[in-house]
Amino acid sequence: MSVYQEIIRNGLWKQNTGLVQLLGLCPLLAISNTTVNALSLGLATTLVMVVANGSVSVIRAVVPKEIRIAVFILIIAALVTAIQLLMNAFVHPLYLVLGIFIPLITTNCIVLARCEAFASKNPLLPSLFDGLMMGVGLTLVLTVLGAVREIVGKGTLFSGLDLVFGPVARDWVVHLLPADYPGLLVAVLPPGAFMGLGLLIATKNWLDARREARAQMALQAA
């Protein structure tokens, strides 16, 4: 298995930050009440991870070991500030909805962990790819959790697209359940986030256990 195949496997499944490492749970649980919110924060975090990993990989040889963490945090904070200003300028309604969770990307242990564990020890291209795959893995978990919570809680999908694309996108909401569906309030509240994430983790563990059992049976048959 090549280095890049291993990075893909780790980022999307084996070391998924949301389902396995359980890092960054604060934004994952708090902002995943709709698909649009979850996807937006996931993409912003992914962009920060890619650029931060690349920056750390480039300067790793010239940064003294004793101050490396402080330098990494400065880089991450600068990137998050730039994204915060861009969102404020171009998608202001979404910026207001995501609120404090945008600057909190700076303190997200996922970003700093990948800078320290991977980018500070590897060349530029693998580091960029690692940031991308770890970010995509987190974004997929956020999006699936947001979609499940929104469908169960409101019966819709992609509500809030007007926050990104303006009033014209209000008609782009997909109604998956009848219009008289009352919704399940607990799904969009924090307890619903815990239950949804628990179901996703259980599903992943079940799939891993089934695959391992099949591999054992194949070995015994051979």
N, C-alpha and C. Protein backbone atom coordinates (compact mmCIF):
# COMPACT_ATOMS: atom_id res chain seq x y z
N MET A 1 0.84 -1.19 0.00
CA MET A 1 0.00 0.00 0.00
C MET A 1 0.89 1.25 0.00
N SER A 2 0.64 2.18 -0.93
CA SER A 2 1.46 3.38 -1.02
C SER A 2 1.15 4.34 0.13
N VAL A 3 2.02 5.36 0.26
CA VAL A 3 1.82 6.36 1.31
C VAL A 3 0.47 7.06 1.14
N TYR A 4 0.12 7.40 -0.09
CA TYR A 4 -1.12 8.13 -0.32
C TYR A 4 -2.35 7.26 -0.08
N GLN A 5 -2.26 5.97 -0.43
CA GLN A 5 -3.37 5.07 -0.13
C GLN A 5 -3.57 4.93 1.38
N GLU A 6 -2.47 4.89 2.11
CA GLU A 6 -2.55 4.79 3.57
C GLU A 6 -3.16 6.07 4.16
N ILE A 7 -2.80 7.23 3.58
CA ILE A 7 -3.38 8.49 4.06
C ILE A 7 -4.89 8.52 3.82
N ILE A 8 -5.31 8.06 2.64
CA ILE A 8 -6.75 8.03 2.34
C ILE A 8 -7.47 7.11 3.32
N ARG A 9 -6.91 5.94 3.54
CA ARG A 9 -7.54 4.96 4.44
C ARG A 9 -7.63 5.51 5.87
N ASN A 10 -6.55 6.15 6.33
CA ASN A 10 -6.56 6.69 7.69
C ASN A 10 -7.55 7.85 7.82
N GLY A 11 -7.53 8.77 6.85
CA GLY A 11 -8.37 9.96 6.96
C GLY A 11 -9.85 9.69 6.86
N LEU A 12 -10.23 8.80 5.94
CA LEU A 12 -11.64 8.57 5.71
C LEU A 12 -12.24 7.49 6.61
N TRP A 13 -11.39 6.57 7.12
CA TRP A 13 -11.99 5.45 7.85
C TRP A 13 -11.21 5.05 9.11
N LYS A 14 -9.99 4.54 8.93
CA LYS A 14 -9.28 3.90 10.04
C LYS A 14 -9.02 4.86 11.20
N GLN A 15 -8.62 6.11 10.90
CA GLN A 15 -8.35 7.09 11.96
C GLN A 15 -9.26 8.30 11.81
N ASN A 16 -10.47 8.08 11.34
CA ASN A 16 -11.41 9.20 11.13
C ASN A 16 -11.51 10.04 12.40
N THR A 17 -11.34 11.34 12.26
CA THR A 17 -11.28 12.20 13.43
C THR A 17 -12.59 12.28 14.18
N GLY A 18 -13.71 12.10 13.49
CA GLY A 18 -15.01 12.18 14.15
C GLY A 18 -15.49 10.88 14.75
N LEU A 19 -15.14 9.75 14.11
CA LEU A 19 -15.69 8.46 14.54
C LEU A 19 -14.70 7.62 15.35
N VAL A 20 -13.40 7.85 15.17
CA VAL A 20 -12.40 7.03 15.84
C VAL A 20 -11.62 7.84 16.88
N GLN A 21 -11.03 8.93 16.44
CA GLN A 21 -10.23 9.74 17.37
C GLN A 21 -11.10 10.59 18.28
N LEU A 22 -12.35 10.84 17.86
CA LEU A 22 -13.30 11.64 18.65
C LEU A 22 -12.70 12.98 19.05
N LEU A 23 -12.05 13.65 18.06
CA LEU A 23 -11.50 14.97 18.28
C LEU A 23 -12.45 16.02 17.70
N GLY A 24 -12.42 17.22 18.26
CA GLY A 24 -13.27 18.29 17.75
C GLY A 24 -14.74 18.06 17.96
N LEU A 25 -15.10 17.42 19.06
CA LEU A 25 -16.51 17.08 19.28
C LEU A 25 -17.37 18.32 19.53
N CYS A 26 -16.78 19.39 20.05
CA CYS A 26 -17.58 20.58 20.36
C CYS A 26 -18.29 21.11 19.11
N PRO A 27 -17.55 21.46 18.04
CA PRO A 27 -18.27 21.91 16.84
C PRO A 27 -19.06 20.80 16.18
N LEU A 28 -18.55 19.57 16.24
CA LEU A 28 -19.25 18.45 15.60
C LEU A 28 -20.66 18.27 16.17
N LEU A 29 -20.79 18.40 17.48
CA LEU A 29 -22.09 18.19 18.11
C LEU A 29 -22.94 19.46 18.09
N ALA A 30 -22.30 20.62 18.18
CA ALA A 30 -23.06 21.85 18.34
C ALA A 30 -23.61 22.39 17.02
N ILE A 31 -22.88 22.22 15.94
CA ILE A 31 -23.25 22.91 14.70
C ILE A 31 -23.86 21.97 13.66
N SER A 32 -24.03 20.70 14.01
CA SER A 32 -24.54 19.74 13.03
C SER A 32 -26.06 19.61 13.09
N ASN A 33 -26.77 20.69 13.45
CA ASN A 33 -28.24 20.60 13.51
C ASN A 33 -28.88 20.69 12.13
N THR A 34 -28.14 21.18 11.13
CA THR A 34 -28.62 21.14 9.75
C THR A 34 -27.48 20.73 8.83
N THR A 35 -27.83 20.25 7.66
CA THR A 35 -26.81 19.80 6.71
C THR A 35 -25.92 20.96 6.24
N VAL A 36 -26.53 22.11 5.98
CA VAL A 36 -25.78 23.25 5.46
C VAL A 36 -24.77 23.75 6.49
N ASN A 37 -25.20 23.88 7.73
CA ASN A 37 -24.28 24.33 8.79
C ASN A 37 -23.11 23.36 8.94
N ALA A 38 -23.43 22.06 8.98
CA ALA A 38 -22.40 21.05 9.18
C ALA A 38 -21.40 21.04 8.02
N LEU A 39 -21.92 21.06 6.81
CA LEU A 39 -21.05 21.04 5.62
C LEU A 39 -20.18 22.29 5.56
N SER A 40 -20.75 23.43 5.89
CA SER A 40 -19.99 24.69 5.82
C SER A 40 -18.83 24.68 6.81
N LEU A 41 -19.09 24.28 8.04
CA LEU A 41 -18.01 24.25 9.03
C LEU A 41 -16.97 23.19 8.68
N GLY A 42 -17.42 22.06 8.12
CA GLY A 42 -16.48 21.02 7.71
C GLY A 42 -15.55 21.50 6.60
N LEU A 43 -16.09 22.22 5.63
CA LEU A 43 -15.26 22.73 4.53
C LEU A 43 -14.27 23.78 5.04
N ALA A 44 -14.73 24.65 5.94
CA ALA A 44 -13.82 25.66 6.50
C ALA A 44 -12.69 25.00 7.28
N THR A 45 -13.02 23.97 8.05
CA THR A 45 -11.98 23.26 8.82
C THR A 45 -11.01 22.54 7.88
N THR A 46 -11.55 21.95 6.81
CA THR A 46 -10.69 21.25 5.84
C THR A 46 -9.70 22.21 5.20
N LEU A 47 -10.17 23.40 4.81
CA LEU A 47 -9.28 24.38 4.19
C LEU A 47 -8.16 24.79 5.15
N VAL A 48 -8.50 24.99 6.41
CA VAL A 48 -7.49 25.35 7.41
C VAL A 48 -6.48 24.21 7.56
N MET A 49 -6.96 22.96 7.61
CA MET A 49 -6.06 21.83 7.80
C MET A 49 -5.09 21.66 6.63
N VAL A 50 -5.57 21.85 5.42
CA VAL A 50 -4.70 21.68 4.24
C VAL A 50 -3.60 22.73 4.24
N VAL A 51 -3.99 24.00 4.40
CA VAL A 51 -2.99 25.08 4.33
C VAL A 51 -2.06 25.04 5.54
N ALA A 52 -2.60 24.72 6.72
CA ALA A 52 -1.76 24.65 7.91
C ALA A 52 -0.75 23.52 7.79
N ASN A 53 -1.19 22.35 7.33
CA ASN A 53 -0.25 21.23 7.14
C ASN A 53 0.84 21.60 6.14
N GLY A 54 0.45 22.23 5.04
CA GLY A 54 1.44 22.62 4.04
C GLY A 54 2.43 23.63 4.58
N SER A 55 1.94 24.62 5.32
CA SER A 55 2.82 25.65 5.87
C SER A 55 3.80 25.06 6.88
N VAL A 56 3.29 24.20 7.76
CA VAL A 56 4.16 23.58 8.77
C VAL A 56 5.21 22.70 8.11
N SER A 57 4.82 21.98 7.07
CA SER A 57 5.78 21.10 6.39
C SER A 57 6.91 21.91 5.76
N VAL A 58 6.58 23.09 5.21
CA VAL A 58 7.60 23.91 4.53
C VAL A 58 8.60 24.48 5.52
N ILE A 59 8.12 24.91 6.71
CA ILE A 59 9.02 25.60 7.66
C ILE A 59 9.56 24.67 8.74
N ARG A 60 9.25 23.39 8.69
CA ARG A 60 9.59 22.49 9.80
C ARG A 60 11.09 22.43 10.06
N ALA A 61 11.91 22.62 9.03
CA ALA A 61 13.36 22.50 9.20
C ALA A 61 13.98 23.73 9.85
N VAL A 62 13.28 24.85 9.84
CA VAL A 62 13.88 26.10 10.35
C VAL A 62 13.26 26.55 11.67
N VAL A 63 12.22 25.84 12.13
CA VAL A 63 11.58 26.22 13.40
C VAL A 63 12.21 25.43 14.54
N PRO A 64 12.75 26.11 15.56
CA PRO A 64 13.32 25.38 16.71
C PRO A 64 12.27 24.49 17.38
N LYS A 65 12.71 23.34 17.81
CA LYS A 65 11.79 22.36 18.39
C LYS A 65 11.06 22.92 19.61
N GLU A 66 11.75 23.78 20.38
CA GLU A 66 11.17 24.27 21.64
C GLU A 66 9.97 25.17 21.43
N ILE A 67 9.89 25.86 20.30
CA ILE A 67 8.79 26.81 20.09
C ILE A 67 7.87 26.38 18.95
N ARG A 68 7.99 25.12 18.52
CA ARG A 68 7.24 24.69 17.34
C ARG A 68 5.72 24.78 17.56
N ILE A 69 5.23 24.40 18.75
CA ILE A 69 3.79 24.42 18.99
C ILE A 69 3.24 25.84 18.92
N ALA A 70 3.97 26.79 19.50
CA ALA A 70 3.52 28.18 19.44
C ALA A 70 3.47 28.68 18.00
N VAL A 71 4.47 28.30 17.21
CA VAL A 71 4.49 28.70 15.79
C VAL A 71 3.32 28.06 15.05
N PHE A 72 3.06 26.78 15.31
CA PHE A 72 1.94 26.09 14.65
C PHE A 72 0.62 26.80 14.97
N ILE A 73 0.43 27.18 16.23
CA ILE A 73 -0.82 27.83 16.63
C ILE A 73 -0.95 29.21 15.97
N LEU A 74 0.17 29.91 15.84
CA LEU A 74 0.12 31.22 15.16
C LEU A 74 -0.31 31.05 13.70
N ILE A 75 0.22 30.05 13.05
CA ILE A 75 -0.16 29.79 11.65
C ILE A 75 -1.64 29.47 11.55
N ILE A 76 -2.10 28.58 12.41
CA ILE A 76 -3.52 28.17 12.38
C ILE A 76 -4.42 29.37 12.67
N ALA A 77 -4.05 30.18 13.67
CA ALA A 77 -4.87 31.34 14.02
C ALA A 77 -4.94 32.34 12.87
N ALA A 78 -3.82 32.54 12.17
CA ALA A 78 -3.83 33.47 11.03
C ALA A 78 -4.75 32.97 9.93
N LEU A 79 -4.71 31.65 9.66
CA LEU A 79 -5.57 31.08 8.62
C LEU A 79 -7.05 31.19 9.00
N VAL A 80 -7.36 30.89 10.24
CA VAL A 80 -8.76 30.97 10.70
C VAL A 80 -9.26 32.41 10.63
N THR A 81 -8.41 33.36 10.99
CA THR A 81 -8.81 34.77 10.91
C THR A 81 -9.12 35.16 9.47
N ALA A 82 -8.31 34.70 8.54
CA ALA A 82 -8.55 35.01 7.13
C ALA A 82 -9.88 34.42 6.67
N ILE A 83 -10.15 33.17 7.05
CA ILE A 83 -11.42 32.54 6.65
C ILE A 83 -12.60 33.25 7.31
N GLN A 84 -12.44 33.64 8.57
CA GLN A 84 -13.50 34.35 9.27
C GLN A 84 -13.83 35.66 8.56
N LEU A 85 -12.81 36.41 8.15
CA LEU A 85 -13.04 37.68 7.46
C LEU A 85 -13.70 37.45 6.09
N LEU A 86 -13.26 36.40 5.39
CA LEU A 86 -13.85 36.11 4.07
C LEU A 86 -15.32 35.72 4.20
N MET A 87 -15.64 34.90 5.21
CA MET A 87 -17.05 34.51 5.41
C MET A 87 -17.88 35.71 5.82
N ASN A 88 -17.32 36.56 6.64
CA ASN A 88 -18.04 37.77 7.05
C ASN A 88 -18.34 38.66 5.85
N ALA A 89 -17.41 38.68 4.88
CA ALA A 89 -17.58 39.55 3.72
C ALA A 89 -18.51 38.97 2.67
N PHE A 90 -18.43 37.65 2.43
CA PHE A 90 -19.13 37.08 1.29
C PHE A 90 -20.35 36.23 1.65
N VAL A 91 -20.40 35.63 2.83
CA VAL A 91 -21.57 34.84 3.25
C VAL A 91 -21.94 35.27 4.68
N HIS A 92 -22.28 36.55 4.81
CA HIS A 92 -22.49 37.12 6.14
C HIS A 92 -23.59 36.40 6.93
N PRO A 93 -24.76 36.06 6.34
CA PRO A 93 -25.79 35.35 7.13
C PRO A 93 -25.27 34.03 7.70
N LEU A 94 -24.51 33.26 6.89
CA LEU A 94 -23.96 32.00 7.38
C LEU A 94 -22.91 32.27 8.46
N TYR A 95 -22.14 33.32 8.27
CA TYR A 95 -21.14 33.72 9.28
C TYR A 95 -21.80 33.97 10.63
N LEU A 96 -22.98 34.63 10.61
CA LEU A 96 -23.68 34.91 11.86
C LEU A 96 -24.21 33.62 12.50
N VAL A 97 -24.66 32.67 11.68
CA VAL A 97 -25.21 31.42 12.22
C VAL A 97 -24.10 30.57 12.85
N LEU A 98 -22.97 30.46 12.16
CA LEU A 98 -21.87 29.63 12.69
C LEU A 98 -21.21 30.29 13.90
N GLY A 99 -21.21 31.63 13.93
CA GLY A 99 -20.79 32.38 15.11
C GLY A 99 -19.44 31.99 15.66
N ILE A 100 -19.41 31.69 16.95
CA ILE A 100 -18.16 31.45 17.68
C ILE A 100 -17.43 30.21 17.18
N PHE A 101 -18.12 29.31 16.48
CA PHE A 101 -17.48 28.07 16.07
C PHE A 101 -16.47 28.27 14.93
N ILE A 102 -16.52 29.40 14.23
CA ILE A 102 -15.49 29.67 13.22
C ILE A 102 -14.15 29.98 13.89
N PRO A 103 -14.06 30.99 14.78
CA PRO A 103 -12.75 31.21 15.45
C PRO A 103 -12.31 30.05 16.30
N LEU A 104 -13.25 29.22 16.76
CA LEU A 104 -12.86 28.08 17.58
C LEU A 104 -12.12 27.00 16.79
N ILE A 105 -12.10 27.12 15.45
CA ILE A 105 -11.30 26.18 14.66
C ILE A 105 -9.83 26.26 15.09
N THR A 106 -9.43 27.47 15.56
CA THR A 106 -8.04 27.65 16.01
C THR A 106 -7.68 26.68 17.13
N THR A 107 -8.64 26.44 18.02
CA THR A 107 -8.37 25.58 19.17
C THR A 107 -8.79 24.14 18.91
N ASN A 108 -9.23 23.84 17.69
CA ASN A 108 -9.64 22.48 17.38
C ASN A 108 -8.41 21.57 17.40
N CYS A 109 -8.42 20.59 18.27
CA CYS A 109 -7.25 19.74 18.44
C CYS A 109 -6.96 18.90 17.20
N ILE A 110 -7.92 18.75 16.29
CA ILE A 110 -7.66 18.00 15.07
C ILE A 110 -6.58 18.69 14.25
N VAL A 111 -6.72 20.01 14.09
CA VAL A 111 -5.80 20.76 13.24
C VAL A 111 -4.38 20.73 13.81
N LEU A 112 -4.24 21.06 15.09
CA LEU A 112 -2.92 21.07 15.71
C LEU A 112 -2.32 19.67 15.75
N ALA A 113 -3.16 18.66 15.98
CA ALA A 113 -2.66 17.28 16.05
C ALA A 113 -2.06 16.84 14.72
N ARG A 114 -2.68 17.17 13.61
CA ARG A 114 -2.13 16.76 12.32
C ARG A 114 -0.85 17.53 11.98
N CYS A 115 -0.80 18.82 12.39
CA CYS A 115 0.44 19.59 12.18
C CYS A 115 1.59 18.94 12.94
N GLU A 116 1.35 18.57 14.18
CA GLU A 116 2.41 18.02 15.03
C GLU A 116 2.74 16.57 14.66
N ALA A 117 1.69 15.76 14.43
CA ALA A 117 1.92 14.32 14.23
C ALA A 117 2.37 13.99 12.82
N PHE A 118 1.96 14.78 11.82
CA PHE A 118 2.28 14.40 10.44
C PHE A 118 3.09 15.47 9.71
N ALA A 119 2.55 16.70 9.64
CA ALA A 119 3.18 17.71 8.79
C ALA A 119 4.59 18.08 9.25
N SER A 120 4.82 18.04 10.57
CA SER A 120 6.15 18.42 11.08
C SER A 120 7.19 17.34 10.83
N LYS A 121 6.77 16.20 10.27
CA LYS A 121 7.71 15.09 10.04
C LYS A 121 7.74 14.63 8.59
N ASN A 122 6.94 15.27 7.72
CA ASN A 122 6.83 14.77 6.35
C ASN A 122 6.96 15.90 5.32
N PRO A 123 7.29 15.54 4.06
CA PRO A 123 7.40 16.55 2.99
C PRO A 123 6.07 17.22 2.67
N LEU A 124 6.13 18.18 1.76
CA LEU A 124 4.98 19.04 1.48
C LEU A 124 3.77 18.29 0.92
N LEU A 125 3.96 17.54 -0.15
CA LEU A 125 2.81 16.93 -0.82
C LEU A 125 2.06 15.93 0.07
N PRO A 126 2.76 14.99 0.74
CA PRO A 126 2.01 14.11 1.65
C PRO A 126 1.32 14.87 2.77
N SER A 127 1.92 15.97 3.23
CA SER A 127 1.30 16.75 4.31
C SER A 127 0.02 17.43 3.82
N LEU A 128 0.08 18.01 2.62
CA LEU A 128 -1.13 18.62 2.05
C LEU A 128 -2.23 17.58 1.89
N PHE A 129 -1.85 16.40 1.39
CA PHE A 129 -2.84 15.34 1.16
C PHE A 129 -3.41 14.82 2.48
N ASP A 130 -2.55 14.74 3.50
CA ASP A 130 -3.04 14.30 4.81
C ASP A 130 -4.06 15.29 5.37
N GLY A 131 -3.77 16.60 5.26
CA GLY A 131 -4.72 17.60 5.73
C GLY A 131 -6.04 17.51 4.98
N LEU A 132 -5.95 17.27 3.65
CA LEU A 132 -7.17 17.16 2.85
C LEU A 132 -8.01 15.95 3.26
N MET A 133 -7.37 14.79 3.40
CA MET A 133 -8.13 13.58 3.71
C MET A 133 -8.70 13.61 5.13
N MET A 134 -7.92 14.13 6.09
CA MET A 134 -8.46 14.24 7.45
C MET A 134 -9.63 15.21 7.48
N GLY A 135 -9.52 16.32 6.72
CA GLY A 135 -10.62 17.28 6.66
C GLY A 135 -11.84 16.71 5.97
N VAL A 136 -11.63 15.97 4.89
CA VAL A 136 -12.76 15.36 4.18
C VAL A 136 -13.45 14.32 5.07
N GLY A 137 -12.65 13.54 5.80
CA GLY A 137 -13.24 12.56 6.72
C GLY A 137 -14.12 13.22 7.76
N LEU A 138 -13.64 14.32 8.35
CA LEU A 138 -14.45 15.04 9.33
C LEU A 138 -15.68 15.66 8.67
N THR A 139 -15.52 16.22 7.47
CA THR A 139 -16.66 16.84 6.78
C THR A 139 -17.74 15.82 6.46
N LEU A 140 -17.34 14.62 6.06
CA LEU A 140 -18.33 13.58 5.76
C LEU A 140 -19.13 13.21 7.01
N VAL A 141 -18.44 13.06 8.14
CA VAL A 141 -19.15 12.73 9.38
C VAL A 141 -20.09 13.86 9.77
N LEU A 142 -19.59 15.10 9.69
CA LEU A 142 -20.44 16.25 10.02
C LEU A 142 -21.67 16.31 9.12
N THR A 143 -21.46 16.10 7.82
CA THR A 143 -22.57 16.22 6.87
C THR A 143 -23.61 15.12 7.08
N VAL A 144 -23.13 13.89 7.27
CA VAL A 144 -24.08 12.79 7.49
C VAL A 144 -24.86 13.01 8.78
N LEU A 145 -24.16 13.42 9.85
CA LEU A 145 -24.84 13.68 11.12
C LEU A 145 -25.83 14.82 10.98
N GLY A 146 -25.42 15.89 10.27
CA GLY A 146 -26.34 17.01 10.05
C GLY A 146 -27.55 16.61 9.25
N ALA A 147 -27.35 15.78 8.22
CA ALA A 147 -28.48 15.34 7.38
C ALA A 147 -29.46 14.49 8.18
N VAL A 148 -28.92 13.56 8.98
CA VAL A 148 -29.80 12.70 9.79
C VAL A 148 -30.61 13.53 10.79
N ARG A 149 -29.94 14.46 11.47
CA ARG A 149 -30.62 15.29 12.46
C ARG A 149 -31.68 16.18 11.80
N GLU A 150 -31.36 16.72 10.62
CA GLU A 150 -32.31 17.61 9.95
C GLU A 150 -33.53 16.83 9.44
N ILE A 151 -33.30 15.65 8.88
CA ILE A 151 -34.42 14.86 8.35
C ILE A 151 -35.34 14.44 9.48
N VAL A 152 -34.75 13.91 10.56
CA VAL A 152 -35.58 13.46 11.68
C VAL A 152 -36.22 14.64 12.41
N GLY A 153 -35.48 15.72 12.53
CA GLY A 153 -35.98 16.85 13.31
C GLY A 153 -36.95 17.74 12.57
N LYS A 154 -36.75 17.90 11.24
CA LYS A 154 -37.59 18.82 10.48
C LYS A 154 -38.26 18.18 9.26
N GLY A 155 -37.76 17.03 8.83
CA GLY A 155 -38.32 16.40 7.64
C GLY A 155 -37.78 17.00 6.35
N THR A 156 -36.73 17.82 6.44
CA THR A 156 -36.18 18.48 5.25
C THR A 156 -34.70 18.14 5.08
N LEU A 157 -34.16 18.58 3.95
CA LEU A 157 -32.74 18.44 3.67
C LEU A 157 -32.27 19.72 2.98
N PHE A 158 -31.15 20.22 3.42
CA PHE A 158 -30.54 21.44 2.87
C PHE A 158 -31.32 22.71 3.20
N SER A 159 -32.02 22.72 4.31
CA SER A 159 -32.62 23.98 4.75
C SER A 159 -31.49 24.92 5.17
N GLY A 160 -31.65 26.19 4.83
CA GLY A 160 -30.62 27.18 5.15
C GLY A 160 -29.68 27.45 3.99
N LEU A 161 -29.97 26.89 2.82
CA LEU A 161 -29.12 27.20 1.66
C LEU A 161 -29.16 28.68 1.30
N ASP A 162 -30.24 29.36 1.69
CA ASP A 162 -30.35 30.79 1.40
C ASP A 162 -29.29 31.59 2.17
N LEU A 163 -28.75 31.00 3.25
CA LEU A 163 -27.68 31.68 3.98
C LEU A 163 -26.42 31.80 3.13
N VAL A 164 -26.27 30.89 2.17
CA VAL A 164 -25.09 30.89 1.31
C VAL A 164 -25.38 31.55 -0.04
N PHE A 165 -26.54 31.17 -0.63
CA PHE A 165 -26.83 31.60 -2.00
C PHE A 165 -27.88 32.71 -2.10
N GLY A 166 -28.39 33.19 -0.97
CA GLY A 166 -29.36 34.27 -1.01
C GLY A 166 -30.80 33.79 -1.05
N PRO A 167 -31.78 34.72 -1.08
CA PRO A 167 -33.21 34.37 -1.01
C PRO A 167 -33.66 33.40 -2.10
N VAL A 168 -33.00 33.43 -3.27
CA VAL A 168 -33.42 32.56 -4.37
C VAL A 168 -33.31 31.08 -3.99
N ALA A 169 -32.47 30.75 -3.02
CA ALA A 169 -32.23 29.35 -2.64
C ALA A 169 -33.24 28.82 -1.63
N ARG A 170 -34.18 29.66 -1.22
CA ARG A 170 -35.17 29.17 -0.25
C ARG A 170 -36.03 28.05 -0.85
N ASP A 171 -36.19 28.06 -2.15
CA ASP A 171 -37.00 27.02 -2.80
C ASP A 171 -36.19 25.77 -3.09
N TRP A 172 -34.91 25.76 -2.77
CA TRP A 172 -34.08 24.60 -3.06
C TRP A 172 -34.13 23.56 -1.94
N VAL A 173 -34.85 23.87 -0.88
CA VAL A 173 -34.95 22.93 0.24
C VAL A 173 -35.71 21.68 -0.21
N VAL A 174 -35.19 20.50 0.14
CA VAL A 174 -35.81 19.23 -0.22
C VAL A 174 -36.69 18.77 0.95
N HIS A 175 -37.99 18.57 0.68
CA HIS A 175 -38.91 18.09 1.71
C HIS A 175 -39.07 16.57 1.55
N LEU A 176 -38.44 15.83 2.45
CA LEU A 176 -38.45 14.37 2.35
C LEU A 176 -39.64 13.75 3.06
N LEU A 177 -40.25 14.46 3.98
CA LEU A 177 -41.40 13.96 4.71
C LEU A 177 -42.60 14.86 4.45
N PRO A 178 -43.82 14.38 4.67
CA PRO A 178 -45.02 15.20 4.39
C PRO A 178 -44.96 16.56 5.09
N ALA A 179 -45.64 17.53 4.50
CA ALA A 179 -45.60 18.90 5.01
C ALA A 179 -46.15 19.00 6.43
N ASP A 180 -47.08 18.06 6.79
CA ASP A 180 -47.66 18.13 8.13
C ASP A 180 -46.83 17.36 9.16
N TYR A 181 -45.62 16.90 8.76
CA TYR A 181 -44.75 16.21 9.72
C TYR A 181 -44.37 17.18 10.84
N PRO A 182 -44.66 16.84 12.09
CA PRO A 182 -44.44 17.80 13.19
C PRO A 182 -42.97 17.98 13.55
N GLY A 183 -42.13 17.05 13.13
CA GLY A 183 -40.71 17.13 13.50
C GLY A 183 -40.46 16.54 14.88
N LEU A 184 -39.23 16.12 15.08
CA LEU A 184 -38.83 15.57 16.38
C LEU A 184 -37.79 16.51 16.98
N LEU A 185 -38.23 17.32 17.93
CA LEU A 185 -37.39 18.40 18.45
C LEU A 185 -36.06 17.90 19.00
N VAL A 186 -36.09 16.74 19.66
CA VAL A 186 -34.86 16.25 20.30
C VAL A 186 -33.73 16.03 19.29
N ALA A 187 -34.11 15.77 18.04
CA ALA A 187 -33.09 15.50 17.02
C ALA A 187 -32.23 16.73 16.73
N VAL A 188 -32.81 17.93 16.81
CA VAL A 188 -32.05 19.14 16.51
C VAL A 188 -31.46 19.78 17.76
N LEU A 189 -31.75 19.19 18.91
CA LEU A 189 -31.16 19.67 20.16
C LEU A 189 -29.88 18.88 20.46
N PRO A 190 -29.04 19.35 21.39
CA PRO A 190 -27.77 18.65 21.69
C PRO A 190 -27.94 17.15 21.99
N PRO A 191 -28.97 16.71 22.73
CA PRO A 191 -29.09 15.26 22.95
C PRO A 191 -29.21 14.47 21.64
N GLY A 192 -29.86 15.07 20.65
CA GLY A 192 -29.97 14.40 19.35
C GLY A 192 -28.61 14.23 18.68
N ALA A 193 -27.73 15.22 18.91
CA ALA A 193 -26.37 15.12 18.35
C ALA A 193 -25.62 13.95 18.97
N PHE A 194 -25.73 13.78 20.28
CA PHE A 194 -25.05 12.67 20.95
C PHE A 194 -25.59 11.33 20.45
N MET A 195 -26.93 11.23 20.36
CA MET A 195 -27.51 9.96 19.90
C MET A 195 -27.13 9.67 18.45
N GLY A 196 -27.15 10.69 17.60
CA GLY A 196 -26.78 10.49 16.19
C GLY A 196 -25.34 10.06 16.04
N LEU A 197 -24.44 10.73 16.76
CA LEU A 197 -23.03 10.36 16.67
C LEU A 197 -22.80 8.95 17.22
N GLY A 198 -23.52 8.61 18.29
CA GLY A 198 -23.39 7.25 18.84
C GLY A 198 -23.81 6.20 17.83
N LEU A 199 -24.88 6.47 17.08
CA LEU A 199 -25.32 5.52 16.06
C LEU A 199 -24.29 5.40 14.93
N LEU A 200 -23.69 6.51 14.55
CA LEU A 200 -22.67 6.46 13.49
C LEU A 200 -21.45 5.65 13.95
N ILE A 201 -21.02 5.88 15.19
CA ILE A 201 -19.87 5.13 15.72
C ILE A 201 -20.19 3.63 15.80
N ALA A 202 -21.41 3.32 16.27
CA ALA A 202 -21.81 1.90 16.37
C ALA A 202 -21.84 1.25 14.99
N THR A 203 -22.34 2.00 13.99
CA THR A 203 -22.39 1.45 12.63
C THR A 203 -20.98 1.16 12.10
N LYS A 204 -20.05 2.08 12.33
CA LYS A 204 -18.67 1.86 11.88
C LYS A 204 -18.06 0.65 12.58
N ASN A 205 -18.25 0.56 13.88
CA ASN A 205 -17.69 -0.58 14.62
C ASN A 205 -18.28 -1.90 14.14
N TRP A 206 -19.58 -1.90 13.84
CA TRP A 206 -20.23 -3.11 13.34
C TRP A 206 -19.65 -3.52 11.99
N LEU A 207 -19.44 -2.54 11.10
CA LEU A 207 -18.87 -2.85 9.79
C LEU A 207 -17.44 -3.38 9.92
N ASP A 208 -16.65 -2.77 10.82
CA ASP A 208 -15.28 -3.24 11.04
C ASP A 208 -15.26 -4.67 11.58
N ALA A 209 -16.17 -4.94 12.55
CA ALA A 209 -16.23 -6.28 13.14
C ALA A 209 -16.64 -7.33 12.11
N ARG A 210 -17.61 -6.97 11.26
CA ARG A 210 -18.05 -7.92 10.22
C ARG A 210 -16.94 -8.20 9.22
N ARG A 211 -16.20 -7.16 8.83
CA ARG A 211 -15.11 -7.36 7.88
C ARG A 211 -14.00 -8.22 8.50
N GLU A 212 -13.72 -7.99 9.78
CA GLU A 212 -12.68 -8.79 10.44
C GLU A 212 -13.11 -10.25 10.57
N ALA A 213 -14.40 -10.46 10.86
CA ALA A 213 -14.90 -11.83 10.98
C ALA A 213 -14.80 -12.57 9.64
N ARG A 214 -15.12 -11.87 8.57
CA ARG A 214 -15.02 -12.49 7.24
C ARG A 214 -13.56 -12.82 6.90
N ALA A 215 -12.64 -11.92 7.29
CA ALA A 215 -11.23 -12.19 7.02
C ALA A 215 -10.75 -13.41 7.80
N GLN A 216 -11.21 -13.56 9.05
CA GLN A 216 -10.83 -14.72 9.86
C GLN A 216 -11.37 -16.00 9.25
N MET A 217 -12.63 -15.95 8.78
CA MET A 217 -13.23 -17.13 8.15
C MET A 217 -12.48 -17.52 6.88
N ALA A 218 -12.05 -16.49 6.13
CA ALA A 218 -11.30 -16.78 4.90
C ALA A 218 -9.96 -17.43 5.22
N LEU A 219 -9.30 -16.98 6.29
CA LEU A 219 -8.03 -17.58 6.69
C LEU A 219 -8.20 -19.02 7.14
N GLN A 220 -9.28 -19.28 7.91
CA GLN A 220 -9.52 -20.64 8.37
C GLN A 220 -9.86 -21.58 7.22
N ALA A 221 -10.62 -21.05 6.25
CA ALA A 221 -10.98 -21.87 5.09
C ALA A 221 -9.75 -22.22 4.24
N ALA A 222 -8.79 -21.26 4.21
CA ALA A 222 -7.58 -21.52 3.42
C ALA A 222 -6.69 -22.54 4.14
